[in-house]
Amino acid sequence: MKREPSQRLSTVFAVTGALVLSLGLAACGHKTAPPPPAPPAPAAAPAPTVTLEATPTSVESGSSSTLQWTSTNAANVQLNGEAVNLNGSQPVSPSDSTTYEVVATSSDGRTATASARVTVTAAAAPTAAPTPNATNESSFAEVVRDAFFDFNMSTIRPDAEAVLSADAAFLKAHPGFQINIVGHCDPRGTAEYNLALGARRSAAVKAYLISQGIDASRISSTTVGKEQPFCTEATEDCYQLDRRGHVVKGQ
């Protein structure tokens, strides 16, 4: 049977619609993948920190203190406006009480500050040494004793150490006194030899007193050898009296 043109056109539309519908249904069966998540924002750089300490925090005029600073996460550090190392120390001698400030700056411009104060006090006036008086003069004669030596020796004996330690204690308590150590010898031997031996004995006494804390400027030493004996008898007891470092009050 022969179809009319209108029937053929309807058939074409029907076939075309079915094809479009099937393609649409097929496309709906495949879901589109979601876009990937955005990358996380970069973490912020840590903030800078800084500390500053002064040791000591109080000084006398003319003395110094040490500043010490430590920084973290800093690109540069300034101490009272001057560029310094990121970590370090520096001595300071302020004439007046001063507050010091350190500023640490990070690479992105953030800052941290710390401060330390050094207090300056007036220096204490020196204390004058007391002048010896009549009472002290008498005490010197009563307390200060000589150091005795063995024959032909200039070594300080144990008994002489005890004597000289007591002498040193007296001299410390009376800083106005100057003393002279005179080396003596017994009459045996030549005059020349005994002068040298007496010099060694007076030097040994002086060295011991210095070791006990007496300033060397307060002590002079000399020798008379065998020329000024304390005893003139030819006995060992008498000879012992002549072998000494005689401690006398200086001028």
C-alpha atoms as a PDB file:
ATOM      1  CA  MET A   1       0.000   0.000   0.000  1.00  0.00           C
ATOM      2  CA  LYS A   2       1.395   3.358  -0.923  1.00  0.00           C
ATOM      3  CA  ARG A   3       1.828   5.906   1.923  1.00  0.00           C
ATOM      4  CA  GLU A   4       0.978   9.502   1.674  1.00  0.00           C
ATOM      5  CA  PRO A   5       3.740  12.120   2.047  1.00  0.00           C
ATOM      6  CA  SER A   6       2.325  13.309   5.355  1.00  0.00           C
ATOM      7  CA  GLN A   7       2.538   9.807   6.747  1.00  0.00           C
ATOM      8  CA  ARG A   8       6.159   9.469   5.637  1.00  0.00           C
ATOM      9  CA  LEU A   9       7.058  12.803   7.343  1.00  0.00           C
ATOM     10  CA  SER A  10       5.434  11.687  10.606  1.00  0.00           C
ATOM     11  CA  THR A  11       7.434   8.513  10.509  1.00  0.00           C
ATOM     12  CA  VAL A  12      10.707  10.447  10.058  1.00  0.00           C
ATOM     13  CA  PHE A  13       9.894  12.715  13.011  1.00  0.00           C
ATOM     14  CA  ALA A  14       9.049   9.733  15.175  1.00  0.00           C
ATOM     15  CA  VAL A  15      12.298   7.961  14.345  1.00  0.00           C
ATOM     16  CA  THR A  16      14.316  11.124  14.874  1.00  0.00           C
ATOM     17  CA  GLY A  17      12.682  11.824  18.244  1.00  0.00           C
ATOM     18  CA  ALA A  18      13.318   8.284  19.412  1.00  0.00           C
ATOM     19  CA  LEU A  19      16.961   8.582  18.431  1.00  0.00           C
ATOM     20  CA  VAL A  20      17.379  11.893  20.274  1.00  0.00           C
ATOM     21  CA  LEU A  21      15.652  10.476  23.334  1.00  0.00           C
ATOM     22  CA  SER A  22      17.890   7.412  23.383  1.00  0.00           C
ATOM     23  CA  LEU A  23      21.029   9.555  23.064  1.00  0.00           C
ATOM     24  CA  GLY A  24      19.861  11.792  25.918  1.00  0.00           C
ATOM     25  CA  LEU A  25      19.174   8.813  28.147  1.00  0.00           C
ATOM     26  CA  ALA A  26      22.605   7.401  27.354  1.00  0.00           C
ATOM     27  CA  ALA A  27      24.269  10.710  28.263  1.00  0.00           C
ATOM     28  CA  CYS A  28      22.428  10.847  31.584  1.00  0.00           C
ATOM     29  CA  GLY A  29      23.961   7.517  32.542  1.00  0.00           C
ATOM     30  CA  HIS A  30      27.505   9.069  32.805  1.00  0.00           C
ATOM     31  CA  LYS A  31      28.083  11.564  35.700  1.00  0.00           C
ATOM     32  CA  THR A  32      30.635  14.410  35.274  1.00  0.00           C
ATOM     33  CA  ALA A  33      33.633  14.223  37.781  1.00  0.00           C
ATOM     34  CA  PRO A  34      33.755  17.144  40.301  1.00  0.00           C
ATOM     35  CA  PRO A  35      36.666  19.627  39.992  1.00  0.00           C
ATOM     36  CA  PRO A  36      39.736  18.985  42.266  1.00  0.00           C
ATOM     37  CA  PRO A  37      39.807  20.864  45.622  1.00  0.00           C
ATOM     38  CA  ALA A  38      41.752  24.117  45.810  1.00  0.00           C
ATOM     39  CA  PRO A  39      45.275  23.811  47.323  1.00  0.00           C
ATOM     40  CA  PRO A  40      45.519  24.875  51.004  1.00  0.00           C
ATOM     41  CA  ALA A  41      46.693  28.399  51.716  1.00  0.00           C
ATOM     42  CA  PRO A  42      50.402  28.584  52.711  1.00  0.00           C
ATOM     43  CA  ALA A  43      51.001  28.635  56.490  1.00  0.00           C
ATOM     44  CA  ALA A  44      51.881  32.032  57.915  1.00  0.00           C
ATOM     45  CA  ALA A  45      55.547  32.470  58.920  1.00  0.00           C
ATOM     46  CA  PRO A  46      56.065  32.398  62.720  1.00  0.00           C
ATOM     47  CA  ALA A  47      56.292  35.775  64.414  1.00  0.00           C
ATOM     48  CA  PRO A  48      59.728  37.030  65.579  1.00  0.00           C
ATOM     49  CA  THR A  49      60.694  36.959  69.258  1.00  0.00           C
ATOM     50  CA  VAL A  50      63.527  38.638  71.158  1.00  0.00           C
ATOM     51  CA  THR A  51      64.832  38.839  74.746  1.00  0.00           C
ATOM     52  CA  LEU A  52      67.334  41.250  76.334  1.00  0.00           C
ATOM     53  CA  GLU A  53      69.142  40.994  79.689  1.00  0.00           C
ATOM     54  CA  ALA A  54      71.672  43.231  81.469  1.00  0.00           C
ATOM     55  CA  THR A  55      74.218  41.737  83.883  1.00  0.00           C
ATOM     56  CA  PRO A  56      74.544  43.328  86.360  1.00  0.00           C
ATOM     57  CA  THR A  57      71.541  45.619  86.305  1.00  0.00           C
ATOM     58  CA  SER A  58      73.176  48.131  88.687  1.00  0.00           C
ATOM     59  CA  VAL A  59      76.761  49.436  88.413  1.00  0.00           C
ATOM     60  CA  GLU A  60      78.881  52.147  89.973  1.00  0.00           C
ATOM     61  CA  SER A  61      79.809  55.107  87.785  1.00  0.00           C
ATOM     62  CA  GLY A  62      82.719  54.113  85.556  1.00  0.00           C
ATOM     63  CA  SER A  63      81.933  50.380  85.726  1.00  0.00           C
ATOM     64  CA  SER A  64      80.394  48.266  82.960  1.00  0.00           C
ATOM     65  CA  SER A  65      77.464  45.917  82.446  1.00  0.00           C
ATOM     66  CA  THR A  66      76.960  43.290  79.722  1.00  0.00           C
ATOM     67  CA  LEU A  67      73.874  43.239  77.491  1.00  0.00           C
ATOM     68  CA  GLN A  68      72.873  39.854  76.051  1.00  0.00           C
ATOM     69  CA  TRP A  69      70.067  39.278  73.539  1.00  0.00           C
ATOM     70  CA  THR A  70      68.525  36.271  71.784  1.00  0.00           C
ATOM     71  CA  SER A  71      66.099  36.343  68.835  1.00  0.00           C
ATOM     72  CA  THR A  72      64.111  33.817  66.784  1.00  0.00           C
ATOM     73  CA  ASN A  73      62.458  34.083  63.343  1.00  0.00           C
ATOM     74  CA  ALA A  74      64.158  37.442  62.767  1.00  0.00           C
ATOM     75  CA  ALA A  75      65.783  38.759  59.605  1.00  0.00           C
ATOM     76  CA  ASN A  76      67.585  41.590  61.408  1.00  0.00           C
ATOM     77  CA  VAL A  77      68.039  42.959  64.935  1.00  0.00           C
ATOM     78  CA  GLN A  78      68.817  46.477  66.158  1.00  0.00           C
ATOM     79  CA  LEU A  79      70.052  47.552  69.589  1.00  0.00           C
ATOM     80  CA  ASN A  80      69.171  51.173  70.357  1.00  0.00           C
ATOM     81  CA  GLY A  81      68.925  51.806  66.622  1.00  0.00           C
ATOM     82  CA  GLU A  82      72.217  50.130  65.679  1.00  0.00           C
ATOM     83  CA  ALA A  83      72.310  46.888  63.655  1.00  0.00           C
ATOM     84  CA  VAL A  84      73.695  43.948  65.635  1.00  0.00           C
ATOM     85  CA  ASN A  85      73.920  40.169  65.244  1.00  0.00           C
ATOM     86  CA  LEU A  86      70.712  38.152  65.589  1.00  0.00           C
ATOM     87  CA  ASN A  87      72.087  36.768  68.871  1.00  0.00           C
ATOM     88  CA  GLY A  88      74.952  38.251  70.847  1.00  0.00           C
ATOM     89  CA  SER A  89      76.295  40.288  73.752  1.00  0.00           C
ATOM     90  CA  GLN A  90      77.878  43.703  74.211  1.00  0.00           C
ATOM     91  CA  PRO A  91      79.518  45.511  77.157  1.00  0.00           C
ATOM     92  CA  VAL A  92      78.178  48.970  77.992  1.00  0.00           C
ATOM     93  CA  SER A  93      79.448  51.659  80.384  1.00  0.00           C
ATOM     94  CA  PRO A  94      76.696  54.255  80.696  1.00  0.00           C
ATOM     95  CA  SER A  95      77.456  57.488  82.531  1.00  0.00           C
ATOM     96  CA  ASP A  96      73.815  57.721  83.657  1.00  0.00           C
ATOM     97  CA  SER A  97      71.030  55.203  84.224  1.00  0.00           C
ATOM     98  CA  THR A  98      69.970  53.995  80.758  1.00  0.00           C
ATOM     99  CA  THR A  99      67.224  51.816  79.259  1.00  0.00           C
ATOM    100  CA  TYR A 100      68.394  49.752  76.286  1.00  0.00           C
ATOM    101  CA  GLU A 101      65.930  48.447  73.662  1.00  0.00           C
ATOM    102  CA  VAL A 102      66.368  45.687  71.116  1.00  0.00           C
ATOM    103  CA  VAL A 103      64.044  45.306  68.079  1.00  0.00           C
ATOM    104  CA  ALA A 104      63.824  42.108  66.017  1.00  0.00           C
ATOM    105  CA  THR A 105      62.222  42.343  62.542  1.00  0.00           C
ATOM    106  CA  SER A 106      61.040  39.350  60.483  1.00  0.00           C
ATOM    107  CA  SER A 107      61.334  39.036  56.705  1.00  0.00           C
ATOM    108  CA  ASP A 108      57.671  40.059  56.306  1.00  0.00           C
ATOM    109  CA  GLY A 109      58.093  43.206  58.417  1.00  0.00           C
ATOM    110  CA  ARG A 110      56.674  42.083  61.749  1.00  0.00           C
ATOM    111  CA  THR A 111      58.588  43.225  64.846  1.00  0.00           C
ATOM    112  CA  ALA A 112      59.214  42.212  68.448  1.00  0.00           C
ATOM    113  CA  THR A 113      60.883  44.349  71.127  1.00  0.00           C
ATOM    114  CA  ALA A 114      62.537  43.853  74.521  1.00  0.00           C
ATOM    115  CA  SER A 115      64.258  46.234  76.921  1.00  0.00           C
ATOM    116  CA  ALA A 116      66.649  46.192  79.886  1.00  0.00           C
ATOM    117  CA  ARG A 117      67.672  49.009  82.228  1.00  0.00           C
ATOM    118  CA  VAL A 118      71.120  49.591  83.717  1.00  0.00           C
ATOM    119  CA  THR A 119      71.077  51.761  86.842  1.00  0.00           C
ATOM    120  CA  VAL A 120      74.213  53.810  87.537  1.00  0.00           C
ATOM    121  CA  THR A 121      75.095  54.696  91.131  1.00  0.00           C
ATOM    122  CA  ALA A 122      77.770  57.059  92.433  1.00  0.00           C
ATOM    123  CA  ALA A 123      81.130  55.408  93.144  1.00  0.00           C
ATOM    124  CA  ALA A 124      81.906  54.994  96.825  1.00  0.00           C
ATOM    125  CA  ALA A 125      84.520  57.401  98.155  1.00  0.00           C
ATOM    126  CA  PRO A 126      87.819  55.669  99.062  1.00  0.00           C
ATOM    127  CA  THR A 127      88.408  55.147 102.758  1.00  0.00           C
ATOM    128  CA  ALA A 128      91.600  56.718 104.048  1.00  0.00           C
ATOM    129  CA  ALA A 129      93.922  54.470 106.020  1.00  0.00           C
ATOM    130  CA  PRO A 130      93.921  55.375 109.710  1.00  0.00           C
ATOM    131  CA  THR A 131      96.993  57.186 110.993  1.00  0.00           C
ATOM    132  CA  PRO A 132      98.976  55.310 113.658  1.00  0.00           C
ATOM    133  CA  ASN A 133      98.518  56.788 117.120  1.00  0.00           C
ATOM    134  CA  ALA A 134     100.324  56.353 120.425  1.00  0.00           C
ATOM    135  CA  THR A 135      98.178  53.369 121.395  1.00  0.00           C
ATOM    136  CA  ASN A 136      98.884  51.631 118.102  1.00  0.00           C
ATOM    137  CA  GLU A 137     102.613  52.352 118.459  1.00  0.00           C
ATOM    138  CA  SER A 138     102.605  50.583 121.802  1.00  0.00           C
ATOM    139  CA  SER A 139     100.607  47.695 120.374  1.00  0.00           C
ATOM    140  CA  PHE A 140     103.151  47.243 117.578  1.00  0.00           C
ATOM    141  CA  ALA A 141     105.965  46.732 120.082  1.00  0.00           C
ATOM    142  CA  GLU A 142     103.843  44.315 122.116  1.00  0.00           C
ATOM    143  CA  VAL A 143     102.415  42.213 119.279  1.00  0.00           C
ATOM    144  CA  VAL A 144     104.855  42.160 116.358  1.00  0.00           C
ATOM    145  CA  ARG A 145     107.586  39.529 116.704  1.00  0.00           C
ATOM    146  CA  ASP A 146     110.703  38.476 114.777  1.00  0.00           C
ATOM    147  CA  ALA A 147     111.161  35.302 112.724  1.00  0.00           C
ATOM    148  CA  PHE A 148     114.134  33.089 113.657  1.00  0.00           C
ATOM    149  CA  PHE A 149     116.189  30.876 111.325  1.00  0.00           C
ATOM    150  CA  ASP A 150     118.312  27.748 111.462  1.00  0.00           C
ATOM    151  CA  PHE A 151     122.082  27.945 111.001  1.00  0.00           C
ATOM    152  CA  ASN A 152     123.091  29.018 107.488  1.00  0.00           C
ATOM    153  CA  MET A 153     119.428  28.891 106.337  1.00  0.00           C
ATOM    154  CA  SER A 154     116.894  31.401 105.014  1.00  0.00           C
ATOM    155  CA  THR A 155     113.863  29.074 104.939  1.00  0.00           C
ATOM    156  CA  ILE A 156     110.857  30.085 107.065  1.00  0.00           C
ATOM    157  CA  ARG A 157     110.458  27.524 109.861  1.00  0.00           C
ATOM    158  CA  PRO A 158     107.023  26.328 111.098  1.00  0.00           C
ATOM    159  CA  ASP A 159     107.387  28.316 114.334  1.00  0.00           C
ATOM    160  CA  ALA A 160     108.274  31.405 112.284  1.00  0.00           C
ATOM    161  CA  GLU A 161     105.182  30.880 110.096  1.00  0.00           C
ATOM    162  CA  ALA A 162     102.967  31.122 113.184  1.00  0.00           C
ATOM    163  CA  VAL A 163     104.758  34.294 114.324  1.00  0.00           C
ATOM    164  CA  LEU A 164     104.564  35.978 110.927  1.00  0.00           C
ATOM    165  CA  SER A 165     100.893  35.045 110.491  1.00  0.00           C
ATOM    166  CA  ALA A 166     100.160  36.895 113.732  1.00  0.00           C
ATOM    167  CA  ASP A 167     102.263  39.834 112.499  1.00  0.00           C
ATOM    168  CA  ALA A 168     100.246  39.902 109.265  1.00  0.00           C
ATOM    169  CA  ALA A 169      96.954  39.923 111.188  1.00  0.00           C
ATOM    170  CA  PHE A 170      98.142  42.939 113.198  1.00  0.00           C
ATOM    171  CA  LEU A 171      99.278  44.781 110.076  1.00  0.00           C
ATOM    172  CA  LYS A 172      95.921  44.140 108.384  1.00  0.00           C
ATOM    173  CA  ALA A 173      94.156  45.632 111.397  1.00  0.00           C
ATOM    174  CA  HIS A 174      96.499  48.653 111.328  1.00  0.00           C
ATOM    175  CA  PRO A 175      96.913  49.575 107.643  1.00  0.00           C
ATOM    176  CA  GLY A 176      98.687  52.838 108.456  1.00  0.00           C
ATOM    177  CA  PHE A 177     101.886  51.079 109.523  1.00  0.00           C
ATOM    178  CA  GLN A 178     104.932  50.683 107.274  1.00  0.00           C
ATOM    179  CA  ILE A 179     107.535  48.102 108.317  1.00  0.00           C
ATOM    180  CA  ASN A 180     111.174  47.279 107.609  1.00  0.00           C
ATOM    181  CA  ILE A 181     112.611  43.754 107.762  1.00  0.00           C
ATOM    182  CA  VAL A 182     116.274  43.602 108.829  1.00  0.00           C
ATOM    183  CA  GLY A 183     118.200  40.388 108.176  1.00  0.00           C
ATOM    184  CA  HIS A 184     120.607  39.338 110.983  1.00  0.00           C
ATOM    185  CA  CYS A 185     123.196  36.534 111.222  1.00  0.00           C
ATOM    186  CA  ASP A 186     125.352  34.989 113.942  1.00  0.00           C
ATOM    187  CA  PRO A 187     129.082  35.880 113.937  1.00  0.00           C
ATOM    188  CA  ARG A 188     130.317  32.755 112.167  1.00  0.00           C
ATOM    189  CA  GLY A 189     131.393  33.227 108.548  1.00  0.00           C
ATOM    190  CA  THR A 190     132.736  36.213 106.645  1.00  0.00           C
ATOM    191  CA  ALA A 191     131.103  39.617 106.729  1.00  0.00           C
ATOM    192  CA  GLU A 192     130.387  39.456 102.999  1.00  0.00           C
ATOM    193  CA  TYR A 193     128.754  36.028 103.218  1.00  0.00           C
ATOM    194  CA  ASN A 194     126.595  37.040 106.163  1.00  0.00           C
ATOM    195  CA  LEU A 195     125.412  40.225 104.448  1.00  0.00           C
ATOM    196  CA  ALA A 196     124.098  38.081 101.591  1.00  0.00           C
ATOM    197  CA  LEU A 197     122.555  35.549 104.000  1.00  0.00           C
ATOM    198  CA  GLY A 198     120.878  38.358 105.958  1.00  0.00           C
ATOM    199  CA  ALA A 199     119.436  39.736 102.706  1.00  0.00           C
ATOM    200  CA  ARG A 200     117.937  36.325 101.871  1.00  0.00           C
ATOM    201  CA  ARG A 201     116.396  36.104 105.332  1.00  0.00           C
ATOM    202  CA  SER A 202     114.780  39.548 105.179  1.00  0.00           C
ATOM    203  CA  ALA A 203     113.489  38.784 101.669  1.00  0.00           C
ATOM    204  CA  ALA A 204     111.955  35.504 102.903  1.00  0.00           C
ATOM    205  CA  VAL A 205     110.121  37.297 105.728  1.00  0.00           C
ATOM    206  CA  LYS A 206     108.837  39.952 103.326  1.00  0.00           C
ATOM    207  CA  ALA A 207     107.619  37.321 100.855  1.00  0.00           C
ATOM    208  CA  TYR A 208     105.744  35.467 103.596  1.00  0.00           C
ATOM    209  CA  LEU A 209     103.975  38.610 104.804  1.00  0.00           C
ATOM    210  CA  ILE A 210     102.976  39.432 101.224  1.00  0.00           C
ATOM    211  CA  SER A 211     101.577  35.902 100.863  1.00  0.00           C
ATOM    212  CA  GLN A 212      99.401  36.658 103.907  1.00  0.00           C
ATOM    213  CA  GLY A 213      97.842  39.676 102.194  1.00  0.00           C
ATOM    214  CA  ILE A 214     100.123  42.555 103.217  1.00  0.00           C
ATOM    215  CA  ASP A 215     100.758  44.977 100.354  1.00  0.00           C
ATOM    216  CA  ALA A 216     104.383  44.945  99.197  1.00  0.00           C
ATOM    217  CA  SER A 217     104.450  48.754  99.196  1.00  0.00           C
ATOM    218  CA  ARG A 218     104.208  48.683 103.005  1.00  0.00           C
ATOM    219  CA  ILE A 219     107.320  46.516 103.451  1.00  0.00           C
ATOM    220  CA  SER A 220     110.994  47.306 102.910  1.00  0.00           C
ATOM    221  CA  SER A 221     113.890  44.935 103.607  1.00  0.00           C
ATOM    222  CA  THR A 222     117.592  45.273 104.313  1.00  0.00           C
ATOM    223  CA  THR A 223     120.496  43.357 105.874  1.00  0.00           C
ATOM    224  CA  VAL A 224     123.176  44.007 108.481  1.00  0.00           C
ATOM    225  CA  GLY A 225     124.714  40.530 108.370  1.00  0.00           C
ATOM    226  CA  LYS A 226     126.634  39.900 111.602  1.00  0.00           C
ATOM    227  CA  GLU A 227     127.391  43.561 112.302  1.00  0.00           C
ATOM    228  CA  GLN A 228     124.632  44.261 114.868  1.00  0.00           C
ATOM    229  CA  PRO A 229     124.394  41.187 117.136  1.00  0.00           C
ATOM    230  CA  PHE A 230     121.634  40.766 119.709  1.00  0.00           C
ATOM    231  CA  CYS A 231     123.920  38.568 121.828  1.00  0.00           C
ATOM    232  CA  THR A 232     127.728  38.376 122.074  1.00  0.00           C
ATOM    233  CA  GLU A 233     128.265  35.079 123.883  1.00  0.00           C
ATOM    234  CA  ALA A 234     129.810  32.204 121.936  1.00  0.00           C
ATOM    235  CA  THR A 235     126.962  29.756 122.641  1.00  0.00           C
ATOM    236  CA  GLU A 236     124.331  28.138 120.445  1.00  0.00           C
ATOM    237  CA  ASP A 237     121.540  29.861 122.386  1.00  0.00           C
ATOM    238  CA  CYS A 238     123.202  33.193 121.730  1.00  0.00           C
ATOM    239  CA  TYR A 239     123.805  32.396 118.070  1.00  0.00           C
ATOM    240  CA  GLN A 240     120.104  31.551 117.687  1.00  0.00           C
ATOM    241  CA  LEU A 241     119.124  35.018 118.898  1.00  0.00           C
ATOM    242  CA  ASP A 242     121.231  36.533 116.113  1.00  0.00           C
ATOM    243  CA  ARG A 243     119.747  34.443 113.275  1.00  0.00           C
ATOM    244  CA  ARG A 244     116.537  36.392 112.616  1.00  0.00           C
ATOM    245  CA  GLY A 245     114.428  38.586 110.424  1.00  0.00           C
ATOM    246  CA  HIS A 246     113.903  41.586 112.674  1.00  0.00           C
ATOM    247  CA  VAL A 247     110.565  43.377 112.085  1.00  0.00           C
ATOM    248  CA  VAL A 248     110.734  47.087 112.911  1.00  0.00           C
ATOM    249  CA  LYS A 249     108.272  49.903 112.384  1.00  0.00           C
ATOM    250  CA  GLY A 250     109.029  51.892 109.257  1.00  0.00           C
ATOM    251  CA  GLN A 251     109.071  55.651 108.934  1.00  0.00           C
END
